[in-house]
Amino acid sequence: MEHHPAAAWLTEAAASAVQHGSGNLLRVVLIMMVLGCVLTAWFLLRGYKRKDD
């Protein structure tokens, strides 16, 4: 296994994105944003639930 510095890995990833397009990356980013918003809303709104006993 070779060790690549972070800058070399980032450059290689950017070059790969140019060749293959950014469709997959954009898809992953959008899915993560939606999941993050849902989890944040759940975390914030769960404190507002009241138990009326």
C-alpha atoms as a PDB file:
ATOM      1  CA  MET A   1       0.000   0.000   0.000  1.00  0.00           C
ATOM      2  CA  GLU A   2       1.416   3.343  -0.996  1.00  0.00           C
ATOM      3  CA  HIS A   3       1.230   6.471   1.105  1.00  0.00           C
ATOM      4  CA  HIS A   4       0.007   9.557  -0.743  1.00  0.00           C
ATOM      5  CA  PRO A   5       0.140  13.004   0.806  1.00  0.00           C
ATOM      6  CA  ALA A   6      -3.234  14.695   1.243  1.00  0.00           C
ATOM      7  CA  ALA A   7      -2.543  17.252  -1.481  1.00  0.00           C
ATOM      8  CA  ALA A   8      -1.717  14.538  -4.022  1.00  0.00           C
ATOM      9  CA  TRP A   9      -4.884  12.613  -3.137  1.00  0.00           C
ATOM     10  CA  LEU A  10      -6.991  15.750  -3.458  1.00  0.00           C
ATOM     11  CA  THR A  11      -5.437  16.596  -6.832  1.00  0.00           C
ATOM     12  CA  GLU A  12      -6.064  13.071  -8.077  1.00  0.00           C
ATOM     13  CA  ALA A  13      -9.686  13.191  -6.892  1.00  0.00           C
ATOM     14  CA  ALA A  14     -10.239  16.545  -8.608  1.00  0.00           C
ATOM     15  CA  ALA A  15      -8.759  15.243 -11.853  1.00  0.00           C
ATOM     16  CA  SER A  16     -10.988  12.167 -11.646  1.00  0.00           C
ATOM     17  CA  ALA A  17     -14.063  14.342 -11.070  1.00  0.00           C
ATOM     18  CA  VAL A  18     -13.264  16.348 -14.200  1.00  0.00           C
ATOM     19  CA  GLN A  19     -12.983  13.181 -16.273  1.00  0.00           C
ATOM     20  CA  HIS A  20     -16.101  11.464 -14.938  1.00  0.00           C
ATOM     21  CA  GLY A  21     -18.246  14.459 -14.102  1.00  0.00           C
ATOM     22  CA  SER A  22     -19.475  15.487 -10.697  1.00  0.00           C
ATOM     23  CA  GLY A  23     -22.837  13.700 -10.814  1.00  0.00           C
ATOM     24  CA  ASN A  24     -22.031  11.094  -8.168  1.00  0.00           C
ATOM     25  CA  LEU A  25     -20.372  13.597  -5.863  1.00  0.00           C
ATOM     26  CA  LEU A  26     -23.305  15.981  -6.146  1.00  0.00           C
ATOM     27  CA  ARG A  27     -25.728  13.136  -5.473  1.00  0.00           C
ATOM     28  CA  VAL A  28     -23.850  12.117  -2.315  1.00  0.00           C
ATOM     29  CA  VAL A  29     -23.627  15.706  -1.079  1.00  0.00           C
ATOM     30  CA  LEU A  30     -27.351  16.284  -1.598  1.00  0.00           C
ATOM     31  CA  ILE A  31     -28.302  13.037   0.145  1.00  0.00           C
ATOM     32  CA  MET A  32     -26.068  13.869   3.104  1.00  0.00           C
ATOM     33  CA  MET A  33     -27.566  17.371   3.324  1.00  0.00           C
ATOM     34  CA  VAL A  34     -31.114  15.994   3.374  1.00  0.00           C
ATOM     35  CA  LEU A  35     -30.234  13.375   5.992  1.00  0.00           C
ATOM     36  CA  GLY A  36     -28.480  16.013   8.081  1.00  0.00           C
ATOM     37  CA  CYS A  37     -31.526  18.293   7.954  1.00  0.00           C
ATOM     38  CA  VAL A  38     -33.857  15.440   8.929  1.00  0.00           C
ATOM     39  CA  LEU A  39     -31.662  14.377  11.842  1.00  0.00           C
ATOM     40  CA  THR A  40     -31.257  17.969  13.024  1.00  0.00           C
ATOM     41  CA  ALA A  41     -35.014  18.569  12.880  1.00  0.00           C
ATOM     42  CA  TRP A  42     -35.672  15.336  14.786  1.00  0.00           C
ATOM     43  CA  PHE A  43     -33.094  16.234  17.438  1.00  0.00           C
ATOM     44  CA  LEU A  44     -34.481  19.739  17.926  1.00  0.00           C
ATOM     45  CA  LEU A  45     -38.174  18.831  17.795  1.00  0.00           C
ATOM     46  CA  ARG A  46     -38.024  15.800  20.081  1.00  0.00           C
ATOM     47  CA  GLY A  47     -37.652  18.119  23.064  1.00  0.00           C
ATOM     48  CA  TYR A  48     -41.025  19.720  22.349  1.00  0.00           C
ATOM     49  CA  LYS A  49     -42.981  16.489  22.775  1.00  0.00           C
ATOM     50  CA  ARG A  50     -45.074  16.653  25.955  1.00  0.00           C
ATOM     51  CA  LYS A  51     -46.551  13.788  27.897  1.00  0.00           C
ATOM     52  CA  ASP A  52     -49.969  14.751  29.227  1.00  0.00           C
ATOM     53  CA  ASP A  53     -50.588  12.249  32.006  1.00  0.00           C
END
